[in-house]
């Protein structure tokens, strides 16, 4: 049965409901606060904080704003930067993520301080004494509470490498662009599973292994998003070898995703394990990436039905409060498959954000 999208006005209504929820989430119990050794408390759940969760929220709303010009989205985005940039934070892979959106906001509303901060964070990613690098120059996935020496994670391409490519264009630094391209290649080298076309969550150069060997859904969805994004961002033409390599990599992943999608449109949190729970934020990311890649001509048009079925699955899990339900909490690297099955389900900013991405992409068809 073919999936049928709601009317455009209904999709926009859902997006507004998601945005309202996104900026009003609170951690009532403190269960989801990240408490650091230096005394700082990072709110990964609420909107008043600075983490990858907020970076994805900004990314989702900016994509929607670019398409519709909706002032509500722009106001939320601008206010987040006005609130958070003066406070600042420590630099890590995940805290770079909001700067992708800031780079676009800067072009719309030039601000010397914003440009200086973009330059500072770009330099940190590139400098030998900035972001630590793994063997072969991979971006080490350092986070607030762990430096993860020698580790590369699939999240990195979305959180830091896409921003770096964007910085290169904005700052006229082709070396930044080339480094971003190299990061895609080294991450594919160590995280791509040749048997399934999916991606492992991480790679450890110290023990030379992929940890639990988990083919984790949300980690995979960052790839489904990042590949069409980097192709579009860099304007890579047909016939370009880097583009061809990325598209082939994406097609291998989506072939398996199409074969493992549940009847309700969702995917299991461990994609190949039907005993693991179904997870909606990854599904929203898959919907966005698949539909965008089809629209760009990167994937076979037959995959559009997979993306639309996923959109319907996402819509079915948006409650009256604008929360995307069936979303797993932020997930560290796991050493066992059971670790991923035991991650709590809770409302998170990236749930609403990825749902916004999926529905905004669906708007192109309405």
Foldseek 3Di string as FASTA:
>chain_A
DFFDDDDLVVLVVLLVLLVVCLQPWDDPPCPQWDAAPVGDIARQFHQQGAWLLVLLLLVLLVLLCVVPVDVVSVVVLVVNCVREVVVDDDDFLTRQSNLLNLLVVCVVPPDVVNLVVLVVNLCLQVDPPHQPAAPVGARQHCDRHGRNHQKDFLCNLNRPLLSQLSSCVSVVNVVSNVVSLVNVVVLCVQFQDPVQLAGQGMAGPVVGDSQASFSFLQSRLSLLANLVSSCVSVVPDPPPPSNVVSLVSNQSNVVNVVVQQDPQLFAFRRRVDPVAHTALLSLLSNLLSQLSCVVVVSYDVVCPSSSSSSLSSQVVQQDPSSFRWRHFDDDDDHNHPVSSSPTDTDGHSSSSSSNSSNSSSVSVVD
